[in-house]
Each structure stands twice: as structure tokens, then as C-alpha cells.
Amino acid sequence: MKYTFRSLWIVAVAASIGAAQGQAWEKPIAPGVTYRMEVDLAIPRIIHALRFSMGSPTVKMVPELGSGVVYQENSTKGRETVTDMVTRTGALAGVNADFFPFTGDPLGVMVRDGRLVSVPSTQRAVFGWGQNTATQALVGFKGTVEVNGTKLELDGLNEECPVNKMVLNTDVTSLAMSKTPCVHAVLTMDDASWAPNGTYTGTFQSIFKDAAKLPIQPGNAILTASGTKTPLLENLVPGQKVSISFSTTGFDWSKIDQTVGGGPFLVKDGQLSVDADKEGFNDAFTNKRHPRTAIGKTVDGDIWLVVVDGRQKISDGATLPEMGKVMLKLGCTDAINLDGGGSSALNILGLTLSRPSDGRERPVANGVLIMGPKPVPSTDIFAIKAPSKLVVGTPTTVQVLDSQGVIVPNAEVLWSSLGDAWIDQGGLIRPFRRGKMDVSALVRGQLVKATIDVVDPEKPATPPKAARKTKKAKRA
């Protein structure tokens, strides 16, 4: 079904959120998808949120790996910014997801379209959803490999093989990696569905010894053993059948086919429930304000993806208890924290709405994307109407004009900014430091940009000495 931006951008809400300096706006993105911005200058805190209605027949929410694979031989090791993920996949919108080391491997559980991609490195909160349901849980995993009646335990899935361990890498990994000495056993799989629970058979093809990196071909998998476990694979014979079994607990996998990991839990059964200590998070992480990302569900079947800007003059961030309260306020009955800090980012149709604390987006291991048909872009030409310069401390409203010079209703514009001023979804710019501001407007499918100088307020002129003496004489 085709629809236009004009037909969607018909509602925008600006309402009090309980403080004189607080406002909120909601703007539709697509059927079943709404963007919300909240600004509270008293804290200060800026909240960006995407509401996804699970009942939409044309829109789907999925986890996505950076660059589409776990590892890649590039400068980011396969990680990718949320903006690049949204652009590459053609998604409507997305946020960052799980914690990660500086490789492409998510630390928690990831299931995409029913395929197990990553298993838990520790017991931390996981959020899962299916076509008509969403929930959260702690997930356990056990994997085994059977050769000639002998069962061997897997120590991991789709990750670099630790010393004296054995892991399985499927073709979603693209590379099998290990510290040396090591042995890689290449398998051609009969069944490569890799559901969270199941048994999968393959045929052993060849051995590679002491390769730090080994590419994985489509339809293959590689068993890797390191250090003291290398003898377990060295005696395999080409043509031998190998059986691999997964047992994954925590969800009803007949109803859940997508998951992302994170932690800790924020909300359970409609109550604030932050169990940071149990999940291994320290006090500084829990009780200091940082940029945050979270995911939660409402009783009505909506899912909220939320990013709080932080570590900036314009937005201080949130503690974990504060983030839980943000999710409760949005109506969430269950919610978990995702990776935050410099990783936190929210993008809509290629435009980053949040302001990453590093000043630019950080490449991340995975994200949560909302997929669906995009509105048909307008063929008109638009421009941002703004002053040539902004004055620190003086708010200024900007607008978008069409080719006829007519003001485009603000309800049809998504605003974003970088630099030394920021903009809310009412089009109000607040300059906070001398320098430059880059302002972007997404209007009817087109991205319009402008760069504006930010200057200090002019100081009152000092009267000449002669004038000062005259005034002094008159006072005398």
C-alpha cells in the first residue's frame, strides 16, 4: 500500500509533562510507528522514543547485526553505526542494542527470525518478541557436539574461541577466530536453520591448524578448539557425520522468534525492578547519570524503543532507576536496559534524532530496527528558514518553506541538530555555546540541512572617558 508523508504527518502533540520547562511532541512515522520527544529543561533531560504497534500488518521489528555479520575484517571489526544499519537495510528506524567488546560479537542473546546468533556470556536480561507477543527473561544455553557416539560440550557460539575452549561459528559469523595454538574443523551442514532448540547434522570436510582467522563459506560451519582442547578435533576423518545440539531456556520459542540482550531489568509486571547488582553492574553504572537506551512493552501490545541523551550540557542522562521510571511513564509493564553511553543512538529514515555523547555515532555490534514500506517522498523543493546567526542564550524558532515560500506545518517536520545549539520538535533552537550549529529537517521524505553561526551576546558599549567625566561632574 502506498501512502504519502502528507497523509501521515497529520498529528503532532506538544503538551505539558509536569514542569514549566517541559514539553513533549509525537509525530507519526508510518502506520503503527510513532516518534516521541520529551524535553525537561529542569533536569535537564531529552528523551527520544519510538512506539511500535505489534499488530501492524506491514511493519516488523527485528534485531540486526552491524554490517549484517558478527565479524568482518575492517576497522570496526564488523560493527556499524545505527544510521548505517538503517540506511543499509532500508529500515524505517532503529536504535542500538546489546553490549559488546570492541568486536562485532554481542555479549548477550540474539535471535533473528528464529535463528540463534549469539548466546549469553553471563546471566543478564533479554527481551524477546514474536508476531503477537513480547516478554523478557534470563536465558540459559547449552550446546553439544557428537562424533562417533562421543559428546563434547560447546563453550560458545559465534565468538572468538577463548584459550582452552571449543566454540562453534556458523556462517553468520563470516570468520572463525582463535588464539593459537588452535584447530578449525570445517563442516558442511545438512541443516543450517540454527533454531534455539534443535539438532543439526553436518559432514566434516577438513582441518586447519593454527589459523588466527578462517573465512566461513555459506552453508558451512566451523568448530574451533584452542589450547588443551585441540586434541578433541585433531582425529576427525573427512566424511564423518557430526551432530550439533542446542538447548536454550528462558522463552517459549514457539512464540518468540526475535531477541536482544542487554541488562539489567528495569521494570517487571508494572513495577520498578532494577536488579543491577544481580546482573553484575556496579554502582557507578547504576546510580550515575549516563546516556541510556532501553526497550519495553505495554499492556496494549506496543513496544517502546527509548534513548535518553546524556553527558551533555543540554541533557544530563539518567540513572538506571530514573530510566525505569521513564519506561513506566510510557506505560511499560516490562522493560530492560540496553547498551548506553556513547553507543546510544536513535535514527529515523536515515536521520539521527538523538545527540550521541561522543559528538558522533559509535559503531555498535547490533541494533533493533523497524522495517516496513516507506512513505512516498515529495518531489517539491524545501528550504530551512533561519537567521544568519544565533545568539547564545536567545531561543529562536526556525521553519521549513516549500518551493512556493509556504511554511510547511511543523507536524510534518522531524528536526535534528549537531554542534553548539540544539533544536526541539517544535522547531525551537536553543544556542548554548559560541560556534556553529548544523540543523537538519526531514520533511515529506526529503532531508534539508543548514549551518548557522552561533555568537556571544553583544556587550553594552562602554562610554568614552570624556562622557564619563561629564556625567561625573554633573552628579557632583
Protein backbone atom coordinates (compact mmCIF):
# COMPACT_ATOMS: atom_id res chain seq x y z
CA MET A 1 0.00 0.00 0.00
CA LYS A 2 1.34 3.41 -0.94
CA TYR A 3 0.97 6.36 1.35
CA THR A 4 2.39 9.84 1.38
CA PHE A 5 4.21 11.81 4.05
CA ARG A 6 1.41 14.39 3.98
CA SER A 7 -1.18 11.72 4.80
CA LEU A 8 0.88 10.56 7.81
CA TRP A 9 2.22 13.78 9.29
CA ILE A 10 -1.17 14.93 10.45
CA VAL A 11 -0.72 14.76 14.21
CA ALA A 12 1.85 16.41 16.45
CA VAL A 13 1.33 16.85 20.14
CA ALA A 14 3.01 19.46 22.33
CA ALA A 15 1.90 19.03 25.93
CA SER A 16 2.98 19.85 29.44
CA ILE A 17 4.85 17.00 31.13
CA GLY A 18 4.57 18.26 34.66
CA ALA A 19 7.14 21.05 34.67
CA ALA A 20 7.16 24.62 33.46
CA GLN A 21 10.16 23.86 31.27
CA GLY A 22 8.88 20.51 29.98
CA GLN A 23 7.22 19.61 26.70
CA ALA A 24 6.54 16.53 24.59
CA TRP A 25 5.84 16.03 20.89
CA GLU A 26 4.59 12.98 19.00
CA LYS A 27 4.90 12.61 15.23
CA PRO A 28 3.77 9.61 13.14
CA ILE A 29 6.43 7.92 11.02
CA ALA A 30 4.43 5.12 9.37
CA PRO A 31 1.30 3.12 10.21
CA GLY A 32 1.99 1.68 13.65
CA VAL A 33 5.19 3.69 14.25
CA THR A 34 5.35 6.99 16.18
CA TYR A 35 8.29 9.14 17.29
CA ARG A 36 8.10 10.95 20.62
CA MET A 37 10.43 13.62 22.00
CA GLU A 38 10.33 14.82 25.60
CA VAL A 39 12.31 17.80 26.85
CA ASP A 40 12.66 18.67 30.53
CA LEU A 41 14.98 21.66 30.97
CA ALA A 42 14.84 21.48 34.75
CA ILE A 43 16.93 18.28 34.95
CA PRO A 44 17.96 18.75 32.04
CA ARG A 45 16.93 15.64 30.09
CA ILE A 46 15.98 14.88 26.49
CA ILE A 47 14.14 11.64 25.71
CA HIS A 48 13.69 10.16 22.24
CA ALA A 49 11.29 7.26 21.84
CA LEU A 50 9.80 5.07 19.11
CA ARG A 51 6.45 3.39 19.71
CA PHE A 52 5.91 0.27 17.61
CA SER A 53 2.45 -1.32 17.49
CA MET A 54 2.84 -5.06 17.07
CA GLY A 55 -0.49 -5.50 15.31
CA SER A 56 0.64 -3.63 12.18
CA PRO A 57 0.38 -5.96 9.15
CA THR A 58 3.07 -4.17 7.13
CA VAL A 59 5.66 -3.19 9.77
CA LYS A 60 8.04 -5.55 11.58
CA MET A 61 10.64 -5.11 14.31
CA VAL A 62 13.86 -7.15 14.08
CA PRO A 63 17.34 -7.24 15.62
CA GLU A 64 20.14 -6.59 13.14
CA LEU A 65 23.88 -7.25 13.26
CA GLY A 66 26.32 -4.50 12.42
CA SER A 67 27.29 -4.97 8.75
CA GLY A 68 24.92 -7.97 8.70
CA VAL A 69 27.54 -10.35 10.18
CA VAL A 70 29.15 -10.99 13.55
CA TYR A 71 32.69 -10.28 12.39
CA GLN A 72 34.21 -8.53 9.44
CA GLU A 73 37.78 -7.65 8.55
CA ASN A 74 37.52 -3.88 8.63
CA SER A 75 38.38 -1.04 11.01
CA THR A 76 35.32 -1.67 13.20
CA LYS A 77 35.57 -5.50 13.24
CA GLY A 78 32.12 -5.63 11.68
CA ARG A 79 30.43 -3.08 13.93
CA GLU A 80 28.26 -0.41 12.33
CA THR A 81 26.50 2.80 13.38
CA VAL A 82 22.73 2.74 13.79
CA THR A 83 22.46 5.25 10.93
CA ASP A 84 24.42 2.96 8.62
CA MET A 85 22.29 -0.02 9.70
CA VAL A 86 19.08 1.87 8.94
CA THR A 87 20.43 3.06 5.59
CA ARG A 88 21.88 -0.31 4.52
CA THR A 89 18.72 -2.28 5.33
CA GLY A 90 16.21 0.35 4.20
CA ALA A 91 14.65 0.36 7.67
CA LEU A 92 12.17 2.96 8.85
CA ALA A 93 14.00 3.49 12.15
CA GLY A 94 16.32 1.90 14.67
CA VAL A 95 18.24 2.09 17.94
CA ASN A 96 21.39 0.46 19.29
CA ALA A 97 21.03 -2.79 21.21
CA ASP A 98 23.39 -5.05 23.17
CA PHE A 99 26.69 -4.52 24.97
CA PHE A 100 29.81 -5.69 23.14
CA PRO A 101 33.57 -5.88 23.32
CA PHE A 102 35.21 -3.90 20.55
CA THR A 103 34.43 -6.63 18.07
CA GLY A 104 31.21 -7.49 16.32
CA ASP A 105 30.02 -10.05 18.86
CA PRO A 106 27.01 -9.08 21.02
CA LEU A 107 27.58 -10.14 24.63
CA GLY A 108 24.02 -11.30 25.22
CA VAL A 109 21.43 -13.42 23.46
CA MET A 110 20.42 -12.54 19.92
CA VAL A 111 17.84 -14.44 17.89
CA ARG A 112 16.88 -13.11 14.47
CA ASP A 113 13.95 -14.59 12.56
CA GLY A 114 14.17 -17.75 14.67
CA ARG A 115 17.93 -18.22 14.20
CA LEU A 116 20.23 -18.25 17.22
CA VAL A 117 23.04 -15.78 16.52
CA SER A 118 24.58 -15.10 19.94
CA VAL A 119 24.40 -16.84 23.33
CA PRO A 120 24.74 -15.32 26.81
CA SER A 121 28.23 -14.63 28.10
CA THR A 122 26.65 -14.04 31.52
CA GLN A 123 23.16 -14.14 33.03
CA ARG A 124 21.66 -10.79 32.02
CA ALA A 125 18.25 -9.58 30.95
CA VAL A 126 16.97 -10.48 27.47
CA PHE A 127 13.96 -9.00 25.65
CA GLY A 128 12.10 -11.23 23.21
CA TRP A 129 9.16 -10.83 20.88
CA GLY A 130 7.16 -12.64 18.23
CA GLN A 131 4.34 -11.78 15.89
CA ASN A 132 1.81 -11.04 18.64
CA THR A 133 3.69 -11.12 21.93
CA ALA A 134 6.68 -9.71 23.78
CA THR A 135 8.30 -10.62 27.10
CA GLN A 136 11.61 -10.64 28.95
CA ALA A 137 13.67 -13.31 30.69
CA LEU A 138 17.04 -14.66 31.72
CA VAL A 139 18.28 -17.12 29.10
CA GLY A 140 20.44 -20.22 29.50
CA PHE A 141 22.27 -22.08 26.73
CA LYS A 142 23.92 -25.47 26.41
CA GLY A 143 25.42 -26.79 23.21
CA THR A 144 26.96 -30.17 22.43
CA VAL A 145 28.81 -31.78 19.53
CA GLU A 146 28.57 -35.54 18.93
CA VAL A 147 31.07 -37.50 16.82
CA ASN A 148 31.05 -41.34 16.73
CA GLY A 149 28.93 -41.50 19.88
CA THR A 150 31.19 -39.14 21.86
CA LYS A 151 29.60 -35.91 23.10
CA LEU A 152 31.66 -32.77 23.54
CA GLU A 153 30.40 -29.60 25.21
CA LEU A 154 30.46 -26.28 23.37
CA ASP A 155 31.85 -23.31 25.28
CA GLY A 156 30.37 -20.68 22.98
CA LEU A 157 28.67 -19.78 19.72
CA ASN A 158 29.72 -17.26 17.06
CA GLU A 159 32.58 -15.72 19.02
CA GLU A 160 36.35 -15.74 19.13
CA CYS A 161 37.47 -19.00 20.72
CA PRO A 162 38.90 -18.40 24.20
CA VAL A 163 42.03 -20.21 25.34
CA ASN A 164 41.40 -23.89 26.18
CA LYS A 165 37.80 -23.74 24.92
CA MET A 166 35.74 -25.02 21.97
CA VAL A 167 33.21 -22.89 20.08
CA LEU A 168 31.01 -23.21 17.01
CA ASN A 169 30.88 -20.50 14.38
CA THR A 170 28.07 -20.57 11.83
CA ASP A 171 28.13 -18.74 8.52
CA VAL A 172 26.53 -15.63 10.07
CA THR A 173 29.93 -15.07 11.67
CA SER A 174 31.89 -14.91 8.37
CA LEU A 175 35.13 -15.61 10.29
CA ALA A 176 36.27 -18.22 12.80
CA MET A 177 38.85 -16.62 15.09
CA SER A 178 41.03 -18.04 17.83
CA LYS A 179 44.21 -17.59 19.76
CA THR A 180 46.85 -20.11 18.70
CA PRO A 181 47.53 -22.98 19.06
CA CYS A 182 44.13 -23.99 17.70
CA VAL A 183 42.35 -26.34 15.34
CA HIS A 184 39.48 -25.42 12.99
CA ALA A 185 37.23 -28.23 11.75
CA VAL A 186 35.21 -27.22 8.66
CA LEU A 187 31.71 -28.72 8.39
CA THR A 188 29.22 -28.73 5.53
CA MET A 189 25.79 -28.56 7.15
CA ASP A 190 22.74 -30.59 6.14
CA ASP A 191 20.52 -28.28 8.21
CA ALA A 192 21.57 -24.71 8.94
CA SER A 193 18.39 -23.29 10.48
CA TRP A 194 20.11 -22.93 13.90
CA ALA A 195 16.94 -22.54 15.96
CA PRO A 196 17.48 -22.02 19.71
CA ASN A 197 16.47 -25.64 20.35
CA GLY A 198 17.30 -28.43 17.91
CA THR A 199 19.83 -30.88 16.50
CA TYR A 200 21.74 -30.12 13.30
CA THR A 201 23.87 -32.52 11.28
CA GLY A 202 26.82 -31.89 9.06
CA THR A 203 29.76 -33.60 7.39
CA PHE A 204 33.37 -32.97 8.39
CA GLN A 205 35.45 -31.73 5.44
CA SER A 206 38.90 -30.58 6.54
CA ILE A 207 41.18 -29.39 9.33
CA PHE A 208 43.11 -26.11 9.53
CA LYS A 209 45.70 -25.75 12.28
CA ASP A 210 46.84 -22.55 14.00
CA ALA A 211 44.91 -20.14 11.76
CA ALA A 212 44.11 -16.97 13.69
CA LYS A 213 41.27 -16.24 11.24
CA LEU A 214 39.46 -18.56 8.87
CA PRO A 215 36.63 -17.48 6.50
CA ILE A 216 33.35 -19.40 6.67
CA GLN A 217 31.57 -20.19 3.43
CA PRO A 218 27.74 -20.05 3.15
CA GLY A 219 26.16 -23.32 4.32
CA ASN A 220 29.26 -24.26 6.31
CA ALA A 221 30.15 -24.08 9.99
CA ILE A 222 33.48 -24.27 11.78
CA LEU A 223 34.23 -25.96 15.08
CA THR A 224 37.25 -24.35 16.71
CA ALA A 225 39.23 -25.77 19.62
CA SER A 226 42.02 -23.89 21.39
CA GLY A 227 44.91 -24.91 23.61
CA THR A 228 44.24 -28.02 25.67
CA LYS A 229 41.07 -28.80 23.72
CA THR A 230 42.72 -29.08 20.30
CA PRO A 231 43.10 -32.90 20.57
CA LEU A 232 39.29 -33.20 20.61
CA LEU A 233 39.15 -32.29 16.91
CA GLU A 234 42.51 -33.41 15.54
CA ASN A 235 41.40 -37.00 14.83
CA LEU A 236 38.33 -36.22 12.75
CA VAL A 237 38.20 -38.03 9.41
CA PRO A 238 36.82 -36.37 6.25
CA GLY A 239 33.31 -37.64 5.56
CA GLN A 240 32.46 -38.22 9.21
CA LYS A 241 29.00 -37.09 10.30
CA VAL A 242 28.85 -34.56 13.10
CA SER A 243 25.74 -33.80 15.18
CA ILE A 244 25.31 -30.46 16.95
CA SER A 245 22.57 -29.86 19.54
CA PHE A 246 21.29 -26.61 21.06
CA SER A 247 19.27 -26.34 24.26
CA THR A 248 18.20 -22.78 25.06
CA THR A 249 15.94 -21.93 28.00
CA GLY A 250 14.09 -18.79 29.09
CA PHE A 251 11.39 -18.29 26.42
CA ASP A 252 8.62 -20.24 24.75
CA TRP A 253 10.41 -20.40 21.41
CA SER A 254 7.19 -21.32 19.61
CA LYS A 255 6.05 -17.74 20.29
CA ILE A 256 9.36 -15.82 20.38
CA ASP A 257 11.50 -15.55 17.24
CA GLN A 258 13.43 -12.33 17.92
CA THR A 259 15.57 -11.37 20.94
CA VAL A 260 18.18 -8.86 22.03
CA GLY A 261 20.28 -8.96 25.17
CA GLY A 262 21.26 -6.14 27.49
CA GLY A 263 20.65 -5.71 31.17
CA PRO A 264 19.64 -5.15 33.80
CA PHE A 265 15.88 -5.45 34.13
CA LEU A 266 14.23 -2.06 34.70
CA VAL A 267 10.51 -2.86 35.02
CA LYS A 268 8.73 -6.12 35.85
CA ASP A 269 4.96 -6.58 35.97
CA GLY A 270 4.36 -2.84 36.02
CA GLN A 271 6.74 -2.16 38.92
CA LEU A 272 10.19 -0.56 39.05
CA SER A 273 12.59 -3.51 39.40
CA VAL A 274 16.26 -2.69 38.79
CA ASP A 275 18.40 -5.75 39.62
CA ALA A 276 21.75 -4.29 38.58
CA ASP A 277 23.77 -6.00 41.34
CA LYS A 278 22.49 -9.46 40.41
CA GLU A 279 23.46 -8.90 36.77
CA GLY A 280 26.96 -7.68 37.56
CA PHE A 281 26.64 -3.90 37.10
CA ASN A 282 28.50 -1.62 39.51
CA ASP A 283 27.23 1.40 41.42
CA ALA A 284 28.72 3.98 39.04
CA PHE A 285 26.93 2.36 36.12
CA THR A 286 23.66 2.10 38.04
CA ASN A 287 23.37 5.31 40.04
CA LYS A 288 25.19 7.90 37.95
CA ARG A 289 23.51 9.59 35.03
CA HIS A 290 24.61 8.38 31.61
CA PRO A 291 23.14 8.23 28.10
CA ARG A 292 20.76 5.24 28.07
CA THR A 293 18.87 3.01 25.66
CA ALA A 294 16.02 0.72 26.73
CA ILE A 295 13.27 -1.47 25.30
CA GLY A 296 9.92 -2.26 26.89
CA LYS A 297 6.36 -3.39 26.24
CA THR A 298 2.97 -2.02 27.26
CA VAL A 299 -0.16 -3.89 28.28
CA ASP A 300 -1.72 -2.81 24.96
CA GLY A 301 0.90 -4.64 22.92
CA ASP A 302 3.07 -1.68 21.97
CA ILE A 303 6.87 -1.78 22.18
CA TRP A 304 8.87 1.30 23.13
CA LEU A 305 12.46 1.84 21.98
CA VAL A 306 13.86 4.69 24.07
CA VAL A 307 17.09 6.72 24.02
CA VAL A 308 17.99 9.33 26.64
CA ASP A 309 20.71 11.80 25.66
CA GLY A 310 23.41 12.30 28.28
CA ARG A 311 26.83 13.65 29.28
CA GLN A 312 25.98 16.97 27.67
CA LYS A 313 25.00 20.45 28.80
CA ILE A 314 21.62 20.00 27.11
CA SER A 315 20.87 16.60 28.67
CA ASP A 316 22.39 15.04 31.78
CA GLY A 317 21.26 11.47 31.12
CA ALA A 318 19.57 9.09 33.54
CA THR A 319 20.42 6.66 36.32
CA LEU A 320 19.03 3.14 35.90
CA PRO A 321 16.20 3.79 38.41
CA GLU A 322 15.39 7.02 36.52
CA MET A 323 15.39 5.09 33.24
CA GLY A 324 12.97 2.62 34.76
CA LYS A 325 10.67 5.49 35.70
CA VAL A 326 10.88 6.82 32.13
CA MET A 327 9.71 3.42 30.85
CA LEU A 328 6.92 3.26 33.45
CA LYS A 329 5.73 6.71 32.42
CA LEU A 330 5.49 5.48 28.82
CA GLY A 331 3.18 2.72 30.04
CA CYS A 332 5.65 -0.17 30.03
CA THR A 333 4.81 -3.18 32.17
CA ASP A 334 8.17 -4.80 31.38
CA ALA A 335 11.43 -3.21 30.26
CA ILE A 336 15.17 -3.86 30.15
CA ASN A 337 18.19 -1.63 29.78
CA LEU A 338 20.32 -1.92 26.63
CA ASP A 339 23.84 -0.65 25.95
CA GLY A 340 24.20 3.08 26.56
CA GLY A 341 26.90 5.71 26.89
CA GLY A 342 28.47 6.61 23.56
CA SER A 343 26.57 3.75 21.92
CA SER A 344 23.12 5.25 22.46
CA ALA A 345 21.55 6.41 19.19
CA LEU A 346 18.10 6.67 17.59
CA ASN A 347 17.68 7.09 13.84
CA ILE A 348 14.59 7.62 11.69
CA LEU A 349 14.72 7.29 7.90
CA GLY A 350 18.47 7.96 7.91
CA LEU A 351 18.33 10.98 10.24
CA THR A 352 19.83 10.65 13.74
CA LEU A 353 17.38 12.30 16.14
CA SER A 354 19.39 11.75 19.32
CA ARG A 355 22.68 13.51 20.09
CA PRO A 356 25.42 10.91 20.73
CA SER A 357 27.60 11.86 23.67
CA ASP A 358 30.84 11.40 21.70
CA GLY A 359 29.70 14.04 19.20
CA ARG A 360 29.29 11.33 16.58
CA GLU A 361 27.78 7.86 16.44
CA ARG A 362 29.75 4.89 17.72
CA PRO A 363 29.77 1.70 15.61
CA VAL A 364 27.87 -0.97 17.56
CA ALA A 365 27.54 -4.74 17.39
CA ASN A 366 23.80 -4.86 16.80
CA GLY A 367 20.62 -2.82 16.84
CA VAL A 368 16.84 -3.09 16.82
CA LEU A 369 15.29 -1.97 13.53
CA ILE A 370 11.71 -1.26 12.49
CA MET A 371 11.16 -2.46 8.93
CA GLY A 372 8.29 -1.51 6.63
CA PRO A 373 7.30 0.31 3.45
CA LYS A 374 8.48 3.89 3.37
CA PRO A 375 6.15 6.81 2.59
CA VAL A 376 6.44 8.17 -0.94
CA PRO A 377 8.76 11.22 -0.90
CA SER A 378 7.50 14.56 -2.17
CA THR A 379 9.03 15.97 -5.37
CA ASP A 380 8.85 19.53 -4.06
CA ILE A 381 11.96 21.52 -3.07
CA PHE A 382 12.27 22.65 0.55
CA ALA A 383 14.50 25.07 2.46
CA ILE A 384 15.05 25.90 6.13
CA LYS A 385 14.10 29.49 7.00
CA ALA A 386 16.55 30.56 9.71
CA PRO A 387 18.54 33.64 10.76
CA SER A 388 22.12 34.02 9.52
CA LYS A 389 23.36 33.80 13.09
CA LEU A 390 22.14 32.69 16.51
CA VAL A 391 22.90 34.37 19.82
CA VAL A 392 23.89 32.26 22.84
CA GLY A 393 21.04 32.20 25.35
CA THR A 394 18.44 33.52 22.89
CA PRO A 395 15.92 30.88 21.70
CA THR A 396 14.93 31.16 18.03
CA THR A 397 12.25 29.36 16.05
CA VAL A 398 13.01 28.09 12.54
CA GLN A 399 10.68 26.79 9.84
CA VAL A 400 10.68 24.87 6.58
CA LEU A 401 9.41 26.53 3.41
CA ASP A 402 8.27 24.77 0.24
CA SER A 403 9.16 25.92 -3.29
CA GLN A 404 6.33 28.47 -3.21
CA GLY A 405 7.58 30.01 0.03
CA VAL A 406 4.72 28.48 2.04
CA ILE A 407 5.52 27.35 5.57
CA VAL A 408 5.35 23.56 5.98
CA PRO A 409 3.36 22.66 9.11
CA ASN A 410 5.71 21.66 11.90
CA ALA A 411 3.74 18.43 12.32
CA GLU A 412 5.29 17.30 9.02
CA VAL A 413 8.90 18.02 10.03
CA LEU A 414 11.39 15.99 12.04
CA TRP A 415 14.13 18.22 13.44
CA SER A 416 17.67 17.25 14.39
CA SER A 417 20.82 19.19 15.28
CA LEU A 418 24.53 18.91 15.96
CA GLY A 419 27.03 21.43 17.24
CA ASP A 420 26.64 24.37 19.59
CA ALA A 421 22.84 24.65 19.65
CA TRP A 422 20.03 22.13 19.78
CA ILE A 423 16.51 22.02 18.42
CA ASP A 424 13.30 20.52 19.76
CA GLN A 425 10.45 19.08 17.71
CA GLY A 426 8.64 22.42 17.85
CA GLY A 427 11.41 23.94 15.72
CA LEU A 428 12.78 25.98 18.64
CA ILE A 429 16.58 26.36 18.65
CA ARG A 430 18.42 26.96 21.92
CA PRO A 431 22.03 28.13 21.34
CA PHE A 432 24.27 27.28 24.31
CA ARG A 433 27.82 27.97 23.14
CA ARG A 434 29.64 30.08 20.57
CA GLY A 435 30.48 28.14 17.41
CA LYS A 436 28.33 26.56 14.71
CA MET A 437 25.12 24.59 14.55
CA ASP A 438 24.13 22.06 11.91
CA VAL A 439 20.34 21.76 11.73
CA SER A 440 18.54 19.10 9.70
CA ALA A 441 14.89 18.78 8.78
CA LEU A 442 13.29 15.63 7.41
CA VAL A 443 10.22 16.86 5.56
CA ARG A 444 7.94 14.79 3.33
CA GLY A 445 10.72 12.32 2.62
CA GLN A 446 13.45 14.85 1.89
CA LEU A 447 16.40 15.83 4.08
CA VAL A 448 17.17 19.56 4.22
CA LYS A 449 20.21 20.96 6.04
CA ALA A 450 21.60 24.32 7.10
CA THR A 451 24.67 25.52 9.03
CA ILE A 452 24.25 28.55 11.28
CA ASP A 453 26.86 30.56 13.20
CA VAL A 454 26.37 30.86 16.96
CA VAL A 455 27.72 34.06 18.50
CA ASP A 456 28.02 35.50 22.00
CA PRO A 457 25.64 38.30 23.04
CA GLU A 458 26.92 41.77 22.27
CA LYS A 459 28.26 43.58 25.32
CA PRO A 460 26.94 47.08 26.09
CA ALA A 461 29.23 49.74 24.66
CA THR A 462 31.48 51.49 27.21
CA PRO A 463 31.01 55.27 27.05
CA PRO A 464 34.12 57.37 26.18
CA LYS A 465 36.19 58.78 29.05
CA ALA A 466 35.13 62.35 28.28
CA ALA A 467 31.47 61.39 28.52
CA ARG A 468 32.08 59.63 31.82
CA LYS A 469 33.83 62.72 33.24
CA THR A 470 30.93 64.95 32.16
CA LYS A 471 28.39 62.71 33.87
CA LYS A 472 30.56 62.63 37.00
CA ALA A 473 30.80 66.44 37.04
CA LYS A 474 27.02 66.77 36.71
CA ARG A 475 26.47 64.36 39.61
CA ALA A 476 28.91 66.47 41.71
